[in-house]
N, C-alpha and C. Protein backbone atom coordinates (compact mmCIF):
# COMPACT_ATOMS: atom_id res chain seq x y z
N MET A 1 -8.21 -4.98 -29.82
CA MET A 1 -7.15 -5.47 -29.48
C MET A 1 -7.42 -6.36 -28.62
N ILE A 2 -7.16 -7.72 -28.51
CA ILE A 2 -7.80 -8.92 -27.60
C ILE A 2 -5.92 -9.00 -26.99
N LEU A 3 -6.21 -8.86 -25.55
CA LEU A 3 -4.92 -9.09 -24.79
C LEU A 3 -5.42 -10.19 -23.89
N LYS A 4 -3.94 -11.38 -23.62
CA LYS A 4 -4.03 -12.36 -22.69
C LYS A 4 -4.85 -11.79 -21.54
N PRO A 5 -5.30 -13.00 -20.83
CA PRO A 5 -5.93 -12.45 -19.47
C PRO A 5 -4.86 -12.06 -18.12
N GLN A 6 -3.66 -12.73 -18.67
CA GLN A 6 -2.57 -12.06 -17.75
C GLN A 6 -2.11 -11.17 -17.88
N LYS A 7 -2.80 -10.37 -18.69
CA LYS A 7 -2.08 -8.62 -19.08
C LYS A 7 -3.18 -8.26 -18.17
N ARG A 8 -4.18 -8.45 -17.52
CA ARG A 8 -4.69 -7.40 -17.12
C ARG A 8 -4.54 -6.61 -15.97
N GLU A 9 -3.48 -6.48 -15.63
CA GLU A 9 -2.64 -5.16 -14.73
C GLU A 9 -2.45 -4.34 -15.81
N GLN A 10 -2.31 -4.57 -16.90
CA GLN A 10 -1.72 -3.55 -17.97
C GLN A 10 -2.94 -2.45 -18.32
N ILE A 11 -4.18 -2.81 -17.83
CA ILE A 11 -5.45 -2.17 -18.62
C ILE A 11 -5.91 -0.89 -17.12
N MET A 12 -5.42 -1.06 -16.00
CA MET A 12 -5.82 -0.49 -15.05
C MET A 12 -4.58 0.46 -14.25
N PRO A 13 -4.94 1.79 -13.70
CA PRO A 13 -3.74 2.32 -12.94
C PRO A 13 -4.32 1.57 -11.67
N LEU A 14 -2.80 0.99 -10.96
CA LEU A 14 -2.69 0.20 -9.46
C LEU A 14 -2.47 1.19 -8.53
N PRO A 15 -2.85 1.22 -7.63
CA PRO A 15 -2.24 2.25 -6.23
C PRO A 15 -0.87 1.61 -5.71
N VAL A 16 0.17 2.46 -5.47
CA VAL A 16 1.35 2.24 -4.97
C VAL A 16 1.30 2.58 -3.63
N VAL A 17 1.66 1.34 -2.72
CA VAL A 17 2.07 1.80 -1.00
C VAL A 17 3.34 1.23 -1.11
N LEU A 18 3.89 1.45 0.22
CA LEU A 18 4.99 1.24 1.03
C LEU A 18 4.52 0.16 2.14
N LEU A 19 4.87 -1.08 1.86
CA LEU A 19 4.39 -2.25 3.40
C LEU A 19 5.57 -2.14 4.21
N SER A 20 5.55 -1.69 5.42
CA SER A 20 6.39 -1.80 5.99
C SER A 20 6.36 -3.06 7.37
N THR A 21 7.08 -4.08 7.30
CA THR A 21 6.91 -5.07 8.47
C THR A 21 8.36 -5.44 9.01
N ILE A 22 8.43 -5.96 10.34
CA ILE A 22 9.48 -6.52 10.97
C ILE A 22 9.78 -7.66 11.31
N ASN A 23 10.87 -8.49 11.72
CA ASN A 23 10.70 -10.12 12.01
C ASN A 23 10.97 -9.47 13.74
N LYS A 24 10.69 -11.20 14.23
CA LYS A 24 10.92 -11.35 15.49
C LYS A 24 12.45 -10.47 15.91
N GLN A 25 13.32 -10.56 15.26
CA GLN A 25 14.68 -9.77 15.69
C GLN A 25 14.41 -8.26 15.60
N GLY A 26 13.56 -7.68 15.07
CA GLY A 26 13.61 -6.14 14.84
C GLY A 26 13.81 -5.65 13.66
N ILE A 27 14.27 -6.46 12.50
CA ILE A 27 14.88 -6.10 11.39
C ILE A 27 13.49 -5.83 10.61
N ALA A 28 13.67 -4.51 10.09
CA ALA A 28 12.77 -4.01 9.15
C ALA A 28 12.90 -4.37 7.86
N ASN A 29 11.59 -4.41 7.34
CA ASN A 29 11.45 -4.43 5.85
C ASN A 29 10.78 -3.77 5.07
N ILE A 30 10.80 -3.23 4.08
CA ILE A 30 9.92 -2.34 3.33
C ILE A 30 9.76 -2.59 1.83
N ALA A 31 8.59 -2.78 1.32
CA ALA A 31 8.48 -3.50 -0.32
C ALA A 31 7.44 -2.51 -0.47
N PRO A 32 7.77 -2.19 -1.91
CA PRO A 32 6.55 -1.26 -2.62
C PRO A 32 5.73 -2.62 -3.02
N TRP A 33 4.25 -2.08 -2.98
CA TRP A 33 3.21 -3.25 -3.14
C TRP A 33 2.02 -2.47 -4.11
N SER A 34 1.35 -2.99 -5.28
CA SER A 34 0.46 -2.48 -5.72
C SER A 34 -0.94 -3.64 -5.80
N ASN A 35 -0.54 -4.66 -5.35
CA ASN A 35 -2.24 -5.60 -5.29
C ASN A 35 -2.62 -5.39 -3.99
N ILE A 36 -3.17 -4.15 -3.73
CA ILE A 36 -3.48 -4.06 -2.36
C ILE A 36 -4.70 -3.08 -2.29
N THR A 37 -6.08 -3.18 -1.43
CA THR A 37 -7.03 -2.63 -1.92
C THR A 37 -7.70 -2.36 -0.57
N PRO A 38 -8.23 -1.56 -0.18
CA PRO A 38 -9.63 -1.76 1.33
C PRO A 38 -10.58 -2.79 0.64
N ILE A 39 -11.26 -3.40 1.50
CA ILE A 39 -12.28 -3.96 1.54
C ILE A 39 -13.52 -3.34 1.53
N LEU A 40 -14.50 -3.32 0.60
CA LEU A 40 -15.71 -2.34 1.04
C LEU A 40 -15.82 -1.61 1.93
N ARG A 41 -16.72 -0.40 1.71
CA ARG A 41 -16.95 0.90 2.42
C ARG A 41 -18.03 -0.14 3.56
N PRO A 42 -18.28 0.42 4.61
CA PRO A 42 -17.57 1.31 5.27
C PRO A 42 -16.36 -0.14 6.24
N LEU A 43 -16.16 -0.82 5.92
CA LEU A 43 -15.38 -1.88 6.70
C LEU A 43 -13.99 -1.43 6.78
N ASP A 44 -13.08 -1.91 8.02
CA ASP A 44 -12.04 -1.71 8.37
C ASP A 44 -10.74 -2.63 7.63
N GLU A 45 -11.09 -3.07 6.93
CA GLU A 45 -10.12 -4.35 6.43
C GLU A 45 -9.48 -3.60 5.10
N ILE A 46 -8.18 -4.14 4.93
CA ILE A 46 -7.31 -3.90 3.67
C ILE A 46 -7.11 -5.34 3.13
N ILE A 47 -7.13 -5.60 2.10
CA ILE A 47 -6.58 -7.06 1.68
C ILE A 47 -5.36 -6.76 0.48
N PHE A 48 -4.17 -7.63 0.30
CA PHE A 48 -2.94 -7.61 -0.11
C PHE A 48 -3.08 -9.11 -0.51
N ALA A 49 -2.26 -8.92 -1.95
CA ALA A 49 -1.59 -10.68 -2.60
C ALA A 49 -0.19 -10.34 -2.42
N SER A 50 0.16 -11.63 -1.99
CA SER A 50 1.69 -11.59 -1.95
C SER A 50 2.11 -13.42 -2.60
N TRP A 51 3.39 -13.39 -3.24
CA TRP A 51 3.93 -14.57 -3.69
C TRP A 51 4.48 -14.93 -2.18
N ILE A 52 4.05 -16.38 -2.44
CA ILE A 52 5.00 -17.33 -1.14
C ILE A 52 5.99 -16.91 -0.74
N LYS A 53 7.10 -16.74 -1.40
CA LYS A 53 8.26 -16.21 -1.00
C LYS A 53 8.42 -14.93 -0.83
N ARG A 54 8.10 -14.31 -0.21
CA ARG A 54 8.52 -12.83 0.26
C ARG A 54 8.85 -12.38 1.65
N ASP A 55 9.61 -11.43 1.65
CA ASP A 55 9.98 -11.42 3.44
C ASP A 55 9.03 -10.77 4.01
N THR A 56 8.38 -10.06 3.00
CA THR A 56 7.01 -9.19 3.68
C THR A 56 5.77 -10.28 3.96
N LEU A 57 5.42 -11.31 3.58
CA LEU A 57 4.67 -12.61 4.07
C LEU A 57 5.30 -13.42 5.38
N ALA A 58 6.80 -13.33 5.18
CA ALA A 58 7.25 -13.93 6.56
C ALA A 58 7.12 -13.35 7.57
N ASN A 59 7.16 -11.79 7.43
CA ASN A 59 7.27 -11.14 8.48
C ASN A 59 6.08 -11.11 8.94
N VAL A 60 4.97 -11.01 8.42
CA VAL A 60 3.21 -10.81 8.46
C VAL A 60 3.19 -12.01 9.18
N ARG A 61 3.25 -12.80 8.72
CA ARG A 61 2.90 -14.13 9.47
C ARG A 61 4.10 -14.31 10.46
N GLU A 62 4.64 -14.29 10.97
CA GLU A 62 5.77 -14.07 12.25
C GLU A 62 5.11 -13.14 13.32
N MET A 63 5.02 -11.92 13.16
CA MET A 63 4.37 -10.84 13.55
C MET A 63 2.94 -10.25 13.87
N GLN A 64 2.22 -10.67 12.71
CA GLN A 64 0.86 -10.66 12.84
C GLN A 64 0.43 -9.32 12.64
N GLU A 65 1.27 -8.44 12.05
CA GLU A 65 1.07 -7.28 12.17
C GLU A 65 1.64 -6.65 10.55
N PHE A 66 1.32 -5.06 9.95
CA PHE A 66 2.13 -4.61 9.25
C PHE A 66 1.77 -3.37 9.20
N VAL A 67 2.45 -2.40 8.51
CA VAL A 67 2.03 -0.76 8.30
C VAL A 67 1.92 -0.80 6.86
N VAL A 68 0.87 0.32 5.99
CA VAL A 68 0.61 0.05 4.86
C VAL A 68 0.78 1.69 4.87
N ASN A 69 1.84 1.99 4.35
CA ASN A 69 2.01 3.59 4.01
C ASN A 69 1.91 4.10 2.76
N ILE A 70 1.19 5.31 2.37
CA ILE A 70 0.91 6.02 1.47
C ILE A 70 2.15 7.05 1.00
N PRO A 71 3.16 6.81 0.02
CA PRO A 71 3.89 7.40 -0.24
C PRO A 71 3.49 8.88 -1.43
N PRO A 72 4.32 9.64 -1.42
CA PRO A 72 4.05 10.77 -2.39
C PRO A 72 4.98 10.36 -3.51
N ALA A 73 4.53 11.05 -4.48
CA ALA A 73 5.38 10.87 -5.79
C ALA A 73 6.91 11.04 -5.45
N SER A 74 7.43 12.07 -4.86
CA SER A 74 8.63 12.68 -4.50
C SER A 74 9.41 11.19 -3.94
N MET A 75 8.73 10.30 -3.54
CA MET A 75 9.65 9.17 -2.91
C MET A 75 10.11 7.95 -3.97
N ILE A 76 9.60 8.14 -5.00
CA ILE A 76 9.84 7.24 -6.09
C ILE A 76 11.26 6.31 -6.20
N GLU A 77 12.28 7.37 -5.76
CA GLU A 77 13.63 6.56 -6.22
C GLU A 77 13.77 5.76 -4.53
N GLU A 78 13.26 6.02 -3.70
CA GLU A 78 13.60 5.19 -2.21
C GLU A 78 12.74 4.30 -2.36
N LEU A 79 11.47 4.38 -2.92
CA LEU A 79 10.58 3.25 -3.52
C LEU A 79 11.36 1.86 -4.24
N MET A 80 11.98 2.54 -5.68
CA MET A 80 12.72 1.62 -6.22
C MET A 80 13.91 1.12 -5.40
N ILE A 81 14.73 1.68 -4.52
CA ILE A 81 15.51 1.08 -3.43
C ILE A 81 15.05 -0.08 -2.53
N CYS A 82 13.88 0.05 -2.17
CA CYS A 82 12.95 -0.99 -1.55
C CYS A 82 12.46 -2.31 -2.48
N SER A 83 12.60 -2.00 -3.91
CA SER A 83 12.00 -3.20 -4.45
C SER A 83 12.99 -4.16 -4.91
N ARG A 84 14.29 -3.68 -4.43
CA ARG A 84 15.22 -4.65 -4.58
C ARG A 84 15.19 -5.79 -3.65
N ASN A 85 15.78 -6.82 -4.31
CA ASN A 85 15.98 -8.21 -3.23
C ASN A 85 16.81 -8.59 -2.39
N TYR A 86 17.13 -7.78 -1.19
CA TYR A 86 17.48 -7.90 -0.44
C TYR A 86 17.56 -8.99 0.65
N PRO A 87 18.97 -9.90 1.04
CA PRO A 87 18.45 -10.94 2.08
C PRO A 87 17.65 -10.43 3.36
N PRO A 88 16.82 -11.25 3.74
CA PRO A 88 16.04 -10.77 5.30
C PRO A 88 16.82 -10.09 6.16
N GLU A 89 18.04 -10.20 6.46
CA GLU A 89 18.65 -9.95 7.56
C GLU A 89 19.13 -8.16 7.21
N VAL A 90 18.54 -7.68 5.86
CA VAL A 90 19.06 -6.06 5.36
C VAL A 90 17.85 -5.16 6.13
N ASP A 91 18.21 -4.28 6.65
CA ASP A 91 17.41 -3.26 7.03
C ASP A 91 17.11 -2.31 5.95
N GLU A 92 16.03 -2.63 5.40
CA GLU A 92 15.80 -1.48 4.14
C GLU A 92 15.54 0.09 4.39
N PHE A 93 14.99 0.44 5.86
CA PHE A 93 15.00 1.57 6.02
C PHE A 93 16.49 2.35 5.92
N ILE A 94 17.20 1.52 6.30
CA ILE A 94 18.84 2.05 6.02
C ILE A 94 19.46 1.95 4.91
N GLU A 95 18.73 1.26 4.16
CA GLU A 95 19.47 1.03 2.77
C GLU A 95 18.66 2.08 1.63
N ALA A 96 17.31 2.56 1.91
CA ALA A 96 16.87 3.23 1.02
C ALA A 96 16.78 4.90 2.02
N GLY A 97 17.42 5.02 3.06
CA GLY A 97 17.44 6.28 3.54
C GLY A 97 16.42 6.97 4.18
N LEU A 98 15.52 5.83 4.58
CA LEU A 98 14.19 6.31 4.95
C LEU A 98 14.13 6.69 6.93
N LYS A 99 13.26 7.42 7.10
CA LYS A 99 13.25 7.42 8.65
C LYS A 99 12.01 6.57 9.30
N PRO A 100 12.36 5.74 10.28
CA PRO A 100 11.26 5.07 10.78
C PRO A 100 10.22 6.21 11.47
N ARG A 101 9.18 5.84 11.57
CA ARG A 101 7.99 6.92 12.05
C ARG A 101 7.38 5.80 13.42
N PRO A 102 7.40 6.15 14.53
CA PRO A 102 7.09 5.05 15.51
C PRO A 102 5.53 4.82 15.15
N SER A 103 4.70 3.65 15.46
CA SER A 103 3.55 3.17 15.34
C SER A 103 2.87 3.63 16.88
N LYS A 104 1.43 3.67 16.75
CA LYS A 104 0.42 3.71 18.16
C LYS A 104 -0.09 2.39 18.62
N GLN A 105 -0.42 1.68 17.28
CA GLN A 105 -0.72 0.40 17.85
C GLN A 105 -0.10 -1.02 17.42
N VAL A 106 0.83 -0.86 16.65
CA VAL A 106 1.83 -2.21 16.39
C VAL A 106 2.99 -2.07 16.50
N GLN A 107 3.91 -3.01 16.89
CA GLN A 107 5.23 -2.40 17.10
C GLN A 107 5.94 -2.23 15.61
N THR A 108 5.43 -2.33 14.66
CA THR A 108 6.10 -2.02 13.20
C THR A 108 5.95 -0.76 12.94
N PRO A 109 7.35 -0.20 12.77
CA PRO A 109 7.54 1.44 12.48
C PRO A 109 6.78 1.23 10.87
N GLY A 110 6.00 3.15 11.26
CA GLY A 110 5.84 3.44 9.53
C GLY A 110 7.26 4.16 9.07
N ILE A 111 6.76 5.01 8.05
CA ILE A 111 7.63 5.38 7.30
C ILE A 111 7.66 7.28 7.36
N GLU A 112 8.31 7.80 8.08
CA GLU A 112 8.43 9.49 8.00
C GLU A 112 8.28 9.97 6.81
N GLY A 113 7.54 10.91 6.29
CA GLY A 113 7.20 11.58 4.91
C GLY A 113 6.23 10.90 4.19
N CYS A 114 5.42 10.18 4.78
CA CYS A 114 4.46 9.76 3.92
C CYS A 114 3.39 10.34 4.07
N LEU A 115 1.88 10.18 3.24
CA LEU A 115 0.95 10.97 3.32
C LEU A 115 -0.30 10.25 4.39
N ALA A 116 -0.10 9.00 4.62
CA ALA A 116 -0.96 8.46 5.60
C ALA A 116 -0.08 6.95 5.98
N TRP A 117 -0.72 6.52 6.96
CA TRP A 117 -0.07 5.31 7.69
C TRP A 117 -1.44 4.48 8.31
N ALA A 118 -1.52 2.90 7.57
CA ALA A 118 -2.68 2.59 8.13
C ALA A 118 -1.93 1.40 8.95
N GLU A 119 -1.89 1.30 10.37
CA GLU A 119 -1.51 0.50 11.00
C GLU A 119 -2.28 -1.07 11.13
N CYS A 120 -1.97 -2.13 10.54
CA CYS A 120 -2.97 -3.23 10.88
C CYS A 120 -1.99 -4.75 11.63
N THR A 121 -3.39 -5.54 11.88
CA THR A 121 -3.09 -6.30 12.30
C THR A 121 -3.63 -7.44 11.38
N LEU A 122 -3.27 -8.61 11.51
CA LEU A 122 -3.42 -9.66 10.39
C LEU A 122 -4.83 -10.42 11.10
N SER A 123 -5.83 -10.48 9.96
CA SER A 123 -6.98 -11.07 10.22
C SER A 123 -7.17 -12.32 9.79
N GLU A 124 -6.52 -12.66 8.57
CA GLU A 124 -6.86 -14.05 7.86
C GLU A 124 -5.89 -14.10 7.04
N GLU A 125 -5.47 -15.09 6.84
CA GLU A 125 -4.39 -15.30 5.30
C GLU A 125 -5.25 -16.80 4.30
N ILE A 126 -5.31 -16.43 3.62
CA ILE A 126 -5.95 -17.27 2.29
C ILE A 126 -5.04 -17.91 1.62
N ALA A 127 -4.41 -19.03 1.92
CA ALA A 127 -3.24 -19.73 0.93
C ALA A 127 -3.67 -20.46 -0.15
N ARG A 128 -2.94 -20.09 -0.81
CA ARG A 128 -2.80 -20.60 -2.64
C ARG A 128 -1.54 -21.40 -2.27
N LYS A 129 -1.62 -22.26 -3.86
CA LYS A 129 -0.22 -22.62 -4.21
C LYS A 129 0.78 -21.95 -4.05
N SER A 130 0.62 -20.82 -5.02
CA SER A 130 2.44 -19.98 -5.32
C SER A 130 2.04 -18.69 -4.38
N TYR A 131 0.86 -17.92 -3.98
CA TYR A 131 0.45 -16.82 -3.52
C TYR A 131 -0.33 -16.93 -1.88
N SER A 132 -0.59 -15.73 -1.41
CA SER A 132 -1.35 -15.99 -0.44
C SER A 132 -2.24 -14.27 -0.56
N LEU A 133 -3.51 -14.20 -0.13
CA LEU A 133 -4.18 -13.27 0.01
C LEU A 133 -4.00 -12.89 1.95
N ILE A 134 -3.80 -11.69 1.93
CA ILE A 134 -3.41 -11.38 3.57
C ILE A 134 -4.60 -9.95 3.78
N ILE A 135 -5.62 -10.65 4.58
CA ILE A 135 -6.78 -9.66 5.05
C ILE A 135 -6.35 -9.07 6.31
N GLY A 136 -6.01 -7.70 6.55
CA GLY A 136 -5.50 -7.22 7.46
C GLY A 136 -6.74 -5.73 8.29
N LYS A 137 -6.80 -6.00 9.49
CA LYS A 137 -7.63 -5.08 9.97
C LYS A 137 -6.84 -3.98 10.32
N VAL A 138 -7.26 -2.82 9.92
CA VAL A 138 -6.81 -1.03 10.42
C VAL A 138 -7.12 -0.82 11.96
N VAL A 139 -5.99 -0.74 12.31
CA VAL A 139 -6.48 -0.80 14.12
C VAL A 139 -5.71 0.59 14.51
N HIS A 140 -5.40 1.34 13.29
CA HIS A 140 -4.84 2.75 13.61
C HIS A 140 -4.59 3.36 12.45
N LEU A 141 -5.64 4.85 12.23
CA LEU A 141 -5.42 5.19 10.54
C LEU A 141 -4.79 6.62 11.11
N GLU A 142 -3.85 6.92 10.23
CA GLU A 142 -3.60 8.22 10.62
C GLU A 142 -3.08 9.15 9.18
N ALA A 143 -3.01 10.56 9.38
CA ALA A 143 -2.66 11.03 7.74
C ALA A 143 -2.08 12.41 8.23
N ASN A 144 -1.54 12.71 7.02
CA ASN A 144 -0.32 13.81 7.11
C ASN A 144 -1.50 15.11 7.08
N ASP A 145 -1.47 16.06 8.18
CA ASP A 145 -2.43 17.16 8.25
C ASP A 145 -2.03 18.08 7.04
N ASP A 146 -0.81 17.83 6.34
CA ASP A 146 -0.66 19.10 5.36
C ASP A 146 -1.38 18.33 4.21
N PHE A 147 -1.86 17.54 3.72
CA PHE A 147 -2.27 16.95 2.89
C PHE A 147 -3.99 16.34 2.93
N PHE A 148 -4.94 16.73 4.00
CA PHE A 148 -6.13 16.42 4.20
C PHE A 148 -6.55 17.40 5.11
N ASN A 149 -8.02 17.55 4.81
CA ASN A 149 -8.92 18.24 5.29
C ASN A 149 -9.47 17.45 6.76
N GLU A 150 -10.46 18.68 7.33
CA GLU A 150 -10.97 18.19 8.55
C GLU A 150 -11.76 16.94 8.16
N ALA A 151 -12.28 16.40 7.20
CA ALA A 151 -13.35 15.37 6.98
C ALA A 151 -12.26 14.31 6.75
N GLY A 152 -11.10 14.23 6.51
CA GLY A 152 -9.97 13.12 6.52
C GLY A 152 -9.93 13.07 4.75
N GLU A 153 -10.18 13.96 3.84
CA GLU A 153 -10.16 13.64 2.62
C GLU A 153 -8.84 14.48 2.14
N MET A 154 -8.38 13.36 1.42
CA MET A 154 -6.56 14.15 0.59
C MET A 154 -7.06 14.93 -0.27
N ASP A 155 -5.97 16.13 -0.02
CA ASP A 155 -5.81 16.79 -1.54
C ASP A 155 -5.08 16.36 -2.17
N PHE A 156 -5.57 15.64 -3.16
CA PHE A 156 -4.41 14.53 -4.00
C PHE A 156 -3.65 15.34 -4.89
N GLU A 157 -4.36 16.47 -5.55
CA GLU A 157 -3.39 17.28 -6.15
C GLU A 157 -2.03 17.91 -5.63
N ARG A 158 -2.20 18.29 -4.40
CA ARG A 158 -0.94 18.65 -3.71
C ARG A 158 -0.29 17.55 -2.73
N ALA A 159 -0.90 16.40 -2.49
CA ALA A 159 -0.40 15.32 -2.04
C ALA A 159 0.50 14.20 -2.88
N HIS A 160 -0.01 14.45 -4.03
CA HIS A 160 0.72 13.46 -5.35
C HIS A 160 1.00 12.41 -5.04
N PRO A 161 -0.29 11.44 -4.84
CA PRO A 161 0.21 10.16 -4.18
C PRO A 161 0.28 8.86 -5.37
N LEU A 162 0.77 7.92 -5.32
CA LEU A 162 1.30 7.19 -6.74
C LEU A 162 0.38 6.32 -6.93
N SER A 163 -0.01 6.14 -8.24
CA SER A 163 -0.38 4.88 -8.68
C SER A 163 0.65 4.28 -10.09
N ILE A 164 0.60 3.26 -10.51
CA ILE A 164 1.54 2.72 -11.60
C ILE A 164 0.60 2.24 -12.96
N MET A 165 1.07 2.38 -13.92
CA MET A 165 0.88 1.57 -15.19
C MET A 165 1.41 0.76 -15.31
N LEU A 166 1.25 -0.69 -15.62
CA LEU A 166 2.59 -1.58 -15.58
C LEU A 166 2.29 -1.96 -17.33
N GLY A 167 3.29 -2.13 -17.94
CA GLY A 167 3.43 -2.55 -19.48
C GLY A 167 4.37 -3.95 -19.66
N ALA A 168 4.53 -4.61 -20.55
CA ALA A 168 5.57 -5.65 -21.09
C ALA A 168 6.80 -5.60 -20.22
N GLN A 169 7.40 -4.54 -20.62
CA GLN A 169 8.62 -4.36 -20.46
C GLN A 169 8.74 -3.65 -19.12
N GLU A 170 8.34 -2.63 -18.86
CA GLU A 170 8.38 -1.86 -17.86
C GLU A 170 7.25 -1.02 -17.45
N MET A 171 7.59 -0.41 -16.20
CA MET A 171 6.24 0.33 -15.47
C MET A 171 6.31 1.68 -15.62
N GLN A 172 5.23 2.22 -15.51
CA GLN A 172 5.10 3.83 -15.34
C GLN A 172 4.56 4.46 -14.69
N PHE A 173 5.00 5.03 -13.31
CA PHE A 173 4.81 5.96 -12.07
C PHE A 173 3.84 6.94 -12.73
N THR A 174 2.51 7.07 -12.12
CA THR A 174 1.67 7.87 -12.17
C THR A 174 0.79 8.77 -11.11
N ARG A 175 0.08 9.30 -11.08
CA ARG A 175 -0.62 10.07 -10.01
C ARG A 175 -1.84 10.54 -10.77
N PRO A 176 -3.12 10.59 -9.77
CA PRO A 176 -4.35 11.25 -10.00
C PRO A 176 -4.12 12.35 -10.20
N ILE A 177 -5.18 12.96 -11.09
CA ILE A 177 -5.51 14.34 -11.24
C ILE A 177 -7.00 14.38 -11.19
N VAL A 178 -7.73 15.88 -10.97
CA VAL A 178 -9.01 15.77 -10.89
C VAL A 178 -9.60 15.82 -12.29
N SER A 179 -10.49 15.28 -12.55
CA SER A 179 -11.51 15.15 -13.85
C SER A 179 -12.27 16.24 -14.19
N GLY A 180 -12.56 16.98 -12.84
CA GLY A 180 -13.11 18.05 -13.25
C GLY A 180 -14.93 17.66 -12.66
N ARG A 181 -15.04 16.81 -12.47
CA ARG A 181 -16.63 16.09 -12.07
C ARG A 181 -16.28 15.21 -10.81
N LYS A 182 -17.76 15.76 -10.04
CA LYS A 182 -17.55 15.18 -8.73
C LYS A 182 -19.33 14.72 -8.34
N ALA A 183 -19.43 13.90 -7.57
CA ALA A 183 -20.78 13.34 -7.54
C ALA A 183 -20.90 12.77 -5.85
N ALA A 184 -22.28 12.79 -5.52
CA ALA A 184 -22.61 12.39 -4.10
C ALA A 184 -22.36 11.20 -4.15
N TYR A 185 -22.64 10.48 -3.14
CA TYR A 185 -22.54 8.96 -3.59
C TYR A 185 -23.76 8.68 -3.28
N ALA A 186 -24.68 9.24 -2.77
CA ALA A 186 -26.50 9.16 -3.23
C ALA A 186 -26.79 9.23 -4.61
N GLU A 187 -26.10 9.75 -5.38
CA GLU A 187 -26.31 9.70 -7.15
C GLU A 187 -25.98 8.37 -7.37
N MET A 188 -25.11 7.39 -6.70
CA MET A 188 -24.94 6.02 -7.31
C MET A 188 -26.41 5.30 -7.03
N PHE A 189 -27.12 5.72 -6.19
CA PHE A 189 -28.22 4.65 -5.61
C PHE A 189 -29.84 5.24 -5.75
N ILE A 190 -29.81 6.30 -7.23
CA ILE A 190 -30.97 6.76 -7.84
C ILE A 190 -31.76 5.53 -8.47
N LYS A 191 -32.99 5.51 -7.85
CA LYS A 191 -33.78 4.20 -8.46
C LYS A 191 -34.18 4.89 -9.85
N ILE A 192 -34.16 3.83 -10.85
CA ILE A 192 -34.60 3.93 -12.28
C ILE A 192 -35.52 3.21 -12.30
N GLU A 193 -36.84 3.56 -12.67
CA GLU A 193 -38.30 2.94 -12.96
C GLU A 193 -38.17 2.67 -14.50
């Protein structure tokens, strides 16, 4: 099957996070995001793509910060409430019935009940005609002890982090399961003669 290039998101699972931001008046915005990824190990940066006309982008520009919240699958309904197109003056914590979690290094609150929180400051915006790429520096990273071991590794079969598969007319929420194979990082760098 040949697909049009713009259907590329239909061929791969994408992570699902909730980005929390605030504006100068302190009004909170929460938005689900799947166009987001860490930038190369072991760097401390995250990048996400945003359409130009988004409250999240306006708030990041204004406050120079954001929080990446990793929601469990049990938060899908709240996530869908946050996906609605509310006016900028609406506090989406209130709309979705979510509890703010005080952050340690930024003013923007995280979201209680999430699996992990990455507090970020704006490092760079790469502006294009209709979208921007936002690079954020992680200034504080915290994980829920109930779902992480001492090395900071998530027990994702207990945590149920969200991912998503996008289709032509709808999206399906998914979550990872163990494939049965583990590999040391060193295995990727074996020299083949």
